[in-house]
Amino acid sequence: MYEHSARMQKLRWSCRRGMKELDEVLTGFVSAQREVLERGGWPGFECLLGEEDHHLWQWLVGGIECQEPLNRDIIDAVRKNG
């Protein structure tokens, strides 16, 4: 249980970005998908959080398609649940 809690804390911390609106989208996703993330769905999201803020904003809110196939599914999930 502690491992899941620590992982979720790390993900929430990583959602803190330089743009409040982006923070809200990302933390909204973590809240909505907590169970999925705790059951092992976090690696793709964690990888996405490694991207630059301006790219995340364009992909998640700006309507620009991500060209990286590994990120597309998680971007779609964040768009639906964030």
C-alpha atoms as a PDB file:
ATOM      1  CA  MET A   1       0.000   0.000   0.000  1.00  0.00           C
ATOM      2  CA  TYR A   2       2.793   2.431   0.873  1.00  0.00           C
ATOM      3  CA  GLU A   3       4.366   1.890  -2.550  1.00  0.00           C
ATOM      4  CA  HIS A   4       1.100   2.897  -4.249  1.00  0.00           C
ATOM      5  CA  SER A   5       0.746   5.926  -2.003  1.00  0.00           C
ATOM      6  CA  ALA A   6       4.329   7.018  -2.678  1.00  0.00           C
ATOM      7  CA  ARG A   7       3.837   6.525  -6.427  1.00  0.00           C
ATOM      8  CA  MET A   8       0.658   8.610  -6.408  1.00  0.00           C
ATOM      9  CA  GLN A   9       2.387  11.367  -4.448  1.00  0.00           C
ATOM     10  CA  LYS A  10       5.205  11.364  -6.988  1.00  0.00           C
ATOM     11  CA  LEU A  11       2.742  11.549  -9.893  1.00  0.00           C
ATOM     12  CA  ARG A  12       0.802  14.388  -8.263  1.00  0.00           C
ATOM     13  CA  TRP A  13       4.041  16.275  -7.626  1.00  0.00           C
ATOM     14  CA  SER A  14       5.109  15.756 -11.243  1.00  0.00           C
ATOM     15  CA  CYS A  15       1.797  17.273 -12.369  1.00  0.00           C
ATOM     16  CA  ARG A  16       2.889  20.597 -10.899  1.00  0.00           C
ATOM     17  CA  ARG A  17       3.949  22.540 -13.935  1.00  0.00           C
ATOM     18  CA  GLY A  18       4.673  26.126 -14.879  1.00  0.00           C
ATOM     19  CA  MET A  19       1.111  26.691 -16.043  1.00  0.00           C
ATOM     20  CA  LYS A  20      -1.836  26.440 -13.636  1.00  0.00           C
ATOM     21  CA  GLU A  21      -4.223  25.315 -16.376  1.00  0.00           C
ATOM     22  CA  LEU A  22      -1.917  22.434 -17.275  1.00  0.00           C
ATOM     23  CA  ASP A  23      -1.638  21.511 -13.582  1.00  0.00           C
ATOM     24  CA  GLU A  24      -5.413  21.284 -13.394  1.00  0.00           C
ATOM     25  CA  VAL A  25      -5.720  19.056 -16.456  1.00  0.00           C
ATOM     26  CA  LEU A  26      -3.005  16.691 -15.255  1.00  0.00           C
ATOM     27  CA  THR A  27      -4.090  16.510 -11.611  1.00  0.00           C
ATOM     28  CA  GLY A  28      -7.693  16.048 -12.761  1.00  0.00           C
ATOM     29  CA  PHE A  29      -6.554  13.000 -14.688  1.00  0.00           C
ATOM     30  CA  VAL A  30      -4.708  11.604 -11.657  1.00  0.00           C
ATOM     31  CA  SER A  31      -7.803  12.068  -9.504  1.00  0.00           C
ATOM     32  CA  ALA A  32     -10.151  10.533 -12.078  1.00  0.00           C
ATOM     33  CA  GLN A  33      -7.864   7.599 -12.865  1.00  0.00           C
ATOM     34  CA  ARG A  34      -6.346   6.943  -9.436  1.00  0.00           C
ATOM     35  CA  GLU A  35      -7.369   3.279  -9.336  1.00  0.00           C
ATOM     36  CA  VAL A  36      -6.064   2.587 -12.840  1.00  0.00           C
ATOM     37  CA  LEU A  37      -2.779   4.311 -12.043  1.00  0.00           C
ATOM     38  CA  GLU A  38      -2.421   2.440  -8.752  1.00  0.00           C
ATOM     39  CA  ARG A  39      -3.015  -0.889 -10.530  1.00  0.00           C
ATOM     40  CA  GLY A  40      -0.041  -0.291 -12.786  1.00  0.00           C
ATOM     41  CA  GLY A  41      -1.231   2.218 -15.359  1.00  0.00           C
ATOM     42  CA  TRP A  42       1.299   4.829 -14.281  1.00  0.00           C
ATOM     43  CA  PRO A  43       4.346   4.192 -16.548  1.00  0.00           C
ATOM     44  CA  GLY A  44       2.801   5.750 -19.652  1.00  0.00           C
ATOM     45  CA  PHE A  45       1.545   8.734 -17.703  1.00  0.00           C
ATOM     46  CA  GLU A  46       4.887   9.149 -15.971  1.00  0.00           C
ATOM     47  CA  CYS A  47       6.607   9.096 -19.372  1.00  0.00           C
ATOM     48  CA  LEU A  48       4.210  11.755 -20.641  1.00  0.00           C
ATOM     49  CA  LEU A  49       5.024  13.957 -17.642  1.00  0.00           C
ATOM     50  CA  GLY A  50       8.643  13.990 -18.824  1.00  0.00           C
ATOM     51  CA  GLU A  51       7.656  16.096 -21.824  1.00  0.00           C
ATOM     52  CA  GLU A  52       8.035  19.870 -22.053  1.00  0.00           C
ATOM     53  CA  ASP A  53       5.095  21.959 -20.835  1.00  0.00           C
ATOM     54  CA  HIS A  54       4.484  23.644 -24.189  1.00  0.00           C
ATOM     55  CA  HIS A  55       4.249  20.253 -25.901  1.00  0.00           C
ATOM     56  CA  LEU A  56       1.873  18.921 -23.244  1.00  0.00           C
ATOM     57  CA  TRP A  57      -0.337  21.969 -23.584  1.00  0.00           C
ATOM     58  CA  GLN A  58      -0.454  21.696 -27.375  1.00  0.00           C
ATOM     59  CA  TRP A  59      -1.250  17.974 -27.253  1.00  0.00           C
ATOM     60  CA  LEU A  60      -3.754  18.068 -24.412  1.00  0.00           C
ATOM     61  CA  VAL A  61      -5.593  21.323 -25.023  1.00  0.00           C
ATOM     62  CA  GLY A  62      -4.342  22.861 -28.247  1.00  0.00           C
ATOM     63  CA  GLY A  63      -5.672  20.173 -30.540  1.00  0.00           C
ATOM     64  CA  ILE A  64      -2.256  19.293 -31.966  1.00  0.00           C
ATOM     65  CA  GLU A  65      -1.635  15.601 -32.487  1.00  0.00           C
ATOM     66  CA  CYS A  66       1.372  14.049 -30.843  1.00  0.00           C
ATOM     67  CA  GLN A  67       3.590  12.265 -33.341  1.00  0.00           C
ATOM     68  CA  GLU A  68       4.980   9.882 -30.693  1.00  0.00           C
ATOM     69  CA  PRO A  69       2.901   6.676 -30.828  1.00  0.00           C
ATOM     70  CA  LEU A  70       3.755   5.759 -27.231  1.00  0.00           C
ATOM     71  CA  ASN A  71       2.156   8.963 -25.936  1.00  0.00           C
ATOM     72  CA  ARG A  72      -0.999   9.012 -28.096  1.00  0.00           C
ATOM     73  CA  ASP A  73      -3.106   6.635 -25.985  1.00  0.00           C
ATOM     74  CA  ILE A  74      -2.296   8.340 -22.712  1.00  0.00           C
ATOM     75  CA  ILE A  75      -2.911  11.768 -24.269  1.00  0.00           C
ATOM     76  CA  ASP A  76      -6.342  10.595 -25.416  1.00  0.00           C
ATOM     77  CA  ALA A  77      -7.061   9.274 -21.912  1.00  0.00           C
ATOM     78  CA  VAL A  78      -6.015  12.567 -20.302  1.00  0.00           C
ATOM     79  CA  ARG A  79      -8.152  14.524 -22.756  1.00  0.00           C
ATOM     80  CA  LYS A  80     -11.189  12.403 -21.825  1.00  0.00           C
ATOM     81  CA  ASN A  81     -10.623  12.367 -18.068  1.00  0.00           C
ATOM     82  CA  GLY A  82      -8.577  15.438 -17.232  1.00  0.00           C
END
